[in-house]
Protein backbone atom coordinates (compact mmCIF):
# COMPACT_ATOMS: atom_id res chain seq x y z
CA MET A 1 20.82 -8.22 -16.28
CA SER A 2 19.70 -4.64 -16.80
CA ARG A 3 16.06 -3.80 -16.30
CA SER A 4 13.60 -4.31 -19.15
CA PHE A 5 10.75 -1.97 -20.09
CA GLU A 6 7.94 -3.97 -21.63
CA ARG A 7 4.39 -3.73 -22.85
CA LEU A 8 2.18 -6.47 -21.41
CA SER A 9 -0.76 -8.17 -23.04
CA GLN A 10 -4.04 -6.28 -23.27
CA PRO A 11 -6.10 -6.56 -20.05
CA ASN A 12 -9.36 -8.48 -20.37
CA ASN A 13 -12.88 -7.03 -20.14
CA VAL A 14 -12.12 -3.28 -20.22
CA VAL A 15 -15.77 -2.22 -20.32
CA ALA A 16 -17.95 -0.11 -18.04
CA GLY A 17 -18.94 -2.26 -15.05
CA GLY A 18 -16.60 -5.07 -16.08
CA ARG A 19 -14.11 -6.98 -13.97
CA VAL A 20 -10.77 -6.20 -15.57
CA THR A 21 -8.05 -8.85 -15.36
CA GLN A 22 -4.40 -8.29 -16.22
CA HIS A 23 -2.36 -11.48 -16.51
CA CYS A 24 1.36 -10.83 -15.96
CA PRO A 25 3.95 -13.22 -17.39
CA LEU A 26 6.15 -15.10 -14.94
CA GLY A 27 9.93 -15.43 -14.95
CA LEU A 28 11.46 -12.02 -14.39
CA SER A 29 10.92 -9.89 -11.26
CA TYR A 30 8.61 -6.87 -11.32
CA ASP A 31 9.78 -3.48 -10.10
CA SER A 32 6.47 -1.95 -11.15
CA ILE A 33 3.34 -2.40 -13.24
CA ILE A 34 2.11 0.74 -14.98
CA PHE A 35 -1.41 1.31 -16.29
CA LYS A 36 -1.93 3.92 -19.01
CA LEU A 37 -5.53 5.09 -18.55
CA THR A 38 -7.80 6.66 -21.16
CA ASN A 39 -11.20 7.90 -19.94
CA VAL A 40 -10.52 6.13 -16.64
CA THR A 41 -9.33 7.57 -13.33
CA PRO A 42 -7.62 5.53 -10.59
CA VAL A 43 -10.66 5.98 -8.33
CA GLN A 44 -12.78 4.24 -10.99
CA MET A 45 -10.63 1.08 -10.64
CA LYS A 46 -12.64 -0.49 -7.81
CA ASN A 47 -11.72 -3.39 -5.49
CA LEU A 48 -8.17 -3.53 -6.81
CA LYS A 49 -6.20 -6.66 -6.00
CA VAL A 50 -2.74 -8.01 -6.79
CA LEU A 51 -3.01 -11.79 -6.73
CA THR A 52 -0.30 -14.44 -6.60
CA GLY A 53 -2.25 -17.54 -7.43
CA ALA A 54 -5.48 -17.19 -5.43
CA LYS A 55 -3.85 -15.15 -2.64
CA ALA A 56 -4.48 -11.39 -2.57
CA GLN A 57 -1.24 -9.61 -1.67
CA TRP A 58 -2.74 -6.15 -2.28
CA ASP A 59 -6.41 -5.56 -1.53
CA VAL A 60 -7.69 -1.95 -1.59
CA LYS A 61 -10.99 -0.26 -2.32
CA ASP A 62 -9.77 1.43 -5.51
CA GLY A 63 -6.75 2.64 -7.44
CA GLY A 64 -7.12 6.08 -5.87
CA VAL A 65 -5.75 4.62 -2.64
CA ILE A 66 -2.62 3.49 -4.48
CA ALA A 67 -2.29 6.93 -6.10
CA ASP A 68 -2.48 8.49 -2.63
CA ILE A 69 0.28 6.24 -1.28
CA ASN A 70 2.45 7.04 -4.32
CA SER A 71 1.93 10.74 -3.63
CA TYR A 72 2.92 10.35 0.03
CA TYR A 73 6.22 8.74 -0.99
CA GLN A 74 6.83 11.33 -3.75
CA ARG A 75 6.65 8.63 -6.43
CA ASP A 76 5.70 11.19 -9.06
CA GLU A 77 2.78 10.10 -11.23
CA SER A 78 1.86 11.70 -14.55
CA THR A 79 -1.82 12.36 -15.27
CA GLY A 80 -3.38 9.39 -17.02
CA PHE A 81 -1.21 6.74 -15.37
CA LEU A 82 -1.32 4.55 -12.26
CA THR A 83 1.81 2.72 -11.10
CA LEU A 84 1.87 -0.29 -8.80
CA TRP A 85 5.26 -0.04 -7.10
CA PHE A 86 6.85 -3.20 -5.71
CA TYR A 87 10.37 -1.72 -5.83
CA ARG A 88 10.54 0.99 -3.12
CA PRO A 89 12.50 4.03 -4.41
CA GLU A 90 12.39 5.77 -1.01
CA MET A 91 14.75 3.23 0.56
CA SER A 92 18.35 4.33 1.15
CA THR A 93 20.34 1.73 -0.85
CA GLU A 94 19.70 -0.07 -4.14
CA GLU A 95 19.76 -3.43 -2.34
CA GLU A 96 17.01 -2.26 -0.01
CA ARG A 97 15.06 -0.57 -2.80
CA ALA A 98 14.96 -3.79 -4.83
CA LEU A 99 14.35 -6.11 -1.88
CA THR A 100 10.56 -6.13 -2.33
CA SER A 101 10.49 -6.31 -6.13
CA MET A 102 7.99 -9.01 -7.05
CA GLY A 103 9.94 -12.17 -7.86
CA THR A 104 7.90 -14.72 -9.81
CA LEU A 105 10.02 -17.87 -10.07
CA ASP A 106 8.11 -19.72 -7.34
CA ILE A 107 4.54 -18.40 -7.65
CA PRO A 108 1.74 -20.01 -9.72
CA SER A 109 0.57 -16.77 -11.37
CA LEU A 110 0.59 -12.99 -11.05
CA THR A 111 -2.64 -11.15 -11.77
CA VAL A 112 -3.99 -7.64 -11.23
CA GLN A 113 -7.76 -7.47 -10.98
CA PHE A 114 -10.27 -4.65 -10.47
CA ASP A 115 -13.88 -3.71 -11.20
CA LEU A 116 -14.26 -0.84 -13.64
CA ASP A 117 -16.80 1.77 -12.57
CA GLY A 118 -20.05 1.58 -14.50
CA ALA A 119 -19.98 5.33 -15.18
CA VAL A 120 -16.94 5.28 -17.47
CA THR A 121 -17.38 5.97 -21.19
CA ASP A 122 -15.11 4.59 -23.91
CA PRO A 123 -12.46 3.29 -21.47
CA ALA A 124 -9.08 2.09 -22.67
CA ILE A 125 -6.21 0.66 -20.60
CA GLU A 126 -2.71 -0.32 -21.68
CA THR A 127 -0.34 -2.10 -19.31
CA TYR A 128 3.45 -1.88 -19.08
CA ALA A 129 6.03 -3.29 -16.69
CA ILE A 130 9.57 -2.60 -15.54
CA ARG A 131 11.28 -5.89 -14.77
CA ARG A 132 14.65 -7.17 -13.62
CA ALA A 133 16.45 -10.49 -13.19
CA ALA A 134 14.45 -13.58 -12.29
CA ALA A 135 14.17 -14.42 -8.59
CA PRO A 136 11.85 -16.18 -6.13
CA MET A 137 9.16 -13.99 -4.59
CA GLY A 138 10.86 -13.54 -1.20
CA LEU A 139 9.65 -10.49 0.71
CA ILE A 140 7.13 -8.11 -0.85
CA THR A 141 5.04 -5.13 0.20
CA LYS A 142 1.46 -6.10 1.04
CA LEU A 143 -1.39 -3.60 1.25
CA ARG A 144 -4.38 -4.27 3.52
CA GLU A 145 -7.28 -2.00 4.49
CA PHE A 146 -9.12 -2.17 7.82
CA PRO A 147 -12.28 -0.03 7.97
CA THR A 148 -13.80 1.04 11.28
CA THR A 149 -16.73 3.27 12.18
CA PHE A 150 -16.72 5.22 15.45
CA ALA A 151 -19.92 6.45 17.09
CA THR A 152 -18.21 9.24 19.01
CA SER A 153 -15.35 11.71 18.65
CA GLY A 154 -12.25 11.70 20.85
CA ARG A 155 -9.53 9.13 21.35
CA GLN A 156 -10.32 5.72 19.88
CA ASP A 157 -8.78 2.27 20.21
CA ILE A 158 -8.07 0.04 17.20
CA ASP A 159 -6.85 -3.32 18.48
CA ASN A 160 -7.66 -5.70 15.61
CA ILE A 161 -4.87 -4.95 13.11
CA PRO A 162 -3.40 -8.38 12.25
CA ARG A 163 0.12 -9.03 13.52
CA GLY A 164 2.79 -11.41 12.30
CA ALA A 165 4.51 -9.52 9.47
CA ARG A 166 6.74 -6.46 9.59
CA ILE A 167 4.98 -3.12 9.16
CA THR A 168 6.45 -0.15 7.36
CA ALA A 169 3.53 2.29 7.68
CA PHE A 170 -0.04 2.89 8.81
CA HIS A 171 -2.14 5.35 6.79
CA LEU A 172 -5.28 6.50 8.60
CA PHE A 173 -7.82 7.78 6.08
CA LYS A 174 -10.08 10.28 7.85
CA ASP A 175 -9.80 14.03 7.44
CA ASP A 176 -9.93 15.04 11.11
CA VAL A 177 -7.45 12.84 12.98
CA SER A 178 -5.60 15.21 15.30
CA GLU A 179 -3.25 12.87 17.19
CA VAL A 180 -2.10 9.24 17.06
CA GLU A 181 -0.69 6.86 19.63
CA LEU A 182 0.73 3.44 18.80
CA GLU A 183 1.06 1.14 21.79
CA ILE A 184 2.43 -2.39 21.88
CA ASN A 185 2.13 -5.22 24.42
CA ASN A 186 -0.59 -3.67 26.55
CA GLY A 187 0.19 -4.61 30.15
CA ALA A 188 3.54 -5.93 31.33
CA GLY A 189 6.36 -4.62 29.17
CA SER A 190 4.06 -2.25 27.31
CA GLY A 191 5.24 0.88 25.62
CA LYS A 192 4.15 3.72 23.40
CA VAL A 193 6.00 3.55 20.10
CA VAL A 194 4.31 6.72 18.83
CA GLU A 195 2.61 9.57 20.68
CA PHE A 196 2.55 12.61 18.36
CA PRO A 197 -0.03 15.14 17.24
CA LYS A 198 -0.80 15.17 13.51
CA ASP A 199 1.09 18.39 12.77
CA LEU A 200 4.27 17.06 14.39
CA LEU A 201 4.00 13.72 12.58
CA GLU A 202 3.75 15.63 9.32
CA ALA A 203 6.63 17.97 10.16
CA VAL A 204 8.94 15.00 10.76
CA GLN A 205 7.70 13.20 7.65
CA LYS A 206 8.42 16.25 5.49
CA GLN A 207 11.94 16.37 6.92
CA HIS A 208 12.41 12.86 5.54
CA GLY A 209 11.11 13.49 2.02
CA ARG A 210 7.47 12.52 2.46
CA THR A 211 4.40 14.46 1.31
CA PRO A 212 1.64 13.92 3.89
CA LEU A 213 -1.94 13.87 2.58
CA THR A 214 -3.03 16.45 5.13
CA ALA A 215 -6.59 16.89 3.90
CA LYS A 216 -7.53 13.22 3.85
CA ALA A 217 -5.15 11.08 5.92
CA THR A 218 -2.72 10.87 8.83
CA HIS A 219 0.38 8.72 8.49
CA VAL A 220 2.39 6.73 10.99
CA ASP A 221 5.59 5.96 9.08
CA MET A 222 7.83 3.42 10.79
CA ASN A 223 10.62 3.63 8.22
CA LEU A 224 11.51 7.27 7.63
CA LEU A 225 15.23 6.38 7.48
CA GLY A 226 14.70 4.02 4.54
CA LYS A 227 16.52 1.14 6.22
CA LEU A 228 15.47 -2.50 6.21
CA LYS A 229 16.05 -2.80 9.96
CA GLN A 230 13.56 0.00 10.63
CA TYR A 231 10.55 -2.08 9.58
CA MET A 232 8.47 -2.76 12.70
CA PRO A 233 8.37 -6.50 13.58
CA THR A 234 5.04 -7.72 14.98
CA ALA A 235 5.39 -11.52 15.05
CA HIS A 236 6.04 -11.66 18.79
CA LEU A 237 3.74 -8.86 19.92
CA LYS A 238 1.00 -9.89 22.30
CA ASP A 239 -0.96 -6.72 21.62
CA MET A 240 -0.81 -3.75 19.25
CA ARG A 241 -3.13 -0.76 19.44
CA LEU A 242 -3.54 2.31 17.27
CA LYS A 243 -5.19 5.11 19.22
CA PRO A 244 -6.22 7.96 16.92
CA THR A 245 -7.92 11.03 18.30
CA ILE A 246 -10.71 12.10 15.92
CA ASP A 247 -12.62 15.38 15.97
CA SER A 248 -15.89 13.84 14.76
CA SER A 249 -17.58 10.45 14.69
CA GLY A 250 -17.65 8.42 11.49
CA ALA A 251 -15.67 6.07 9.28
CA LEU A 252 -11.89 5.65 9.43
CA THR A 253 -9.96 3.23 7.23
CA THR A 254 -6.46 2.15 8.22
CA LEU A 255 -4.29 1.09 5.30
CA VAL A 256 -1.36 -1.00 6.54
CA GLU A 257 1.80 -1.58 4.50
CA TYR A 258 3.22 -4.93 5.52
CA ILE A 259 6.55 -6.46 4.48
CA ASP A 260 5.98 -10.19 4.29
CA GLY A 261 6.43 -13.43 2.33
CA PHE A 262 3.97 -15.41 0.22
CA GLN A 263 2.41 -17.45 3.03
CA GLY A 264 2.15 -14.60 5.55
CA ILE A 265 -0.67 -12.19 6.25
């Protein structure tokens, strides 16, 4: 079937300080869910989750994080809208682009939930979806955030990123990361997968159609070629370490984009 462009039911509890819930009908597969925002910014959509049943497949601090990721991938967003992309337009073939569309045939429910900032005035939200033929969930993109606070500057060691699923990208949200190493299997058979300064990472990313968020984040993109086989498998890794070099102490949040199935990470 061709894709359908539909208006969804009105989200519940769109009030200042309220927990907004958007119930999404099952059956067809979701390429994207689009929020039309009036007197609301993405940053004011706090603790945003995409839930299949009770399981959070996306879990980020606010919709501004999703807007940032959309910007990095050049998924152009008009002012007043926020799009949750399951379909990945940056992939090289239509089969690969549609691979992670959210199939709903075998899930109990699909819900988007967030807390609306208490400072909003006269908020209004409308929800739309682009959907395609019905399918089981299969593989989807999962978003997870891992916050860390460092007491000193210099090279750091992040060794607690969960493994098991494939990873397509790490996004390190801190404005003064100057270099990143990614090392796997520390010890016998170890190797550095990435060892680039920030400016070189960004130069390569721009060559592949990305728009790095220079002022707020540093990206480690494992799939610049847009090919399914380029996703980084982690199921059999004994160890995986991100080693950012930071110019000042403070908080750093790593947003990981996983490619995984329902029962995974």
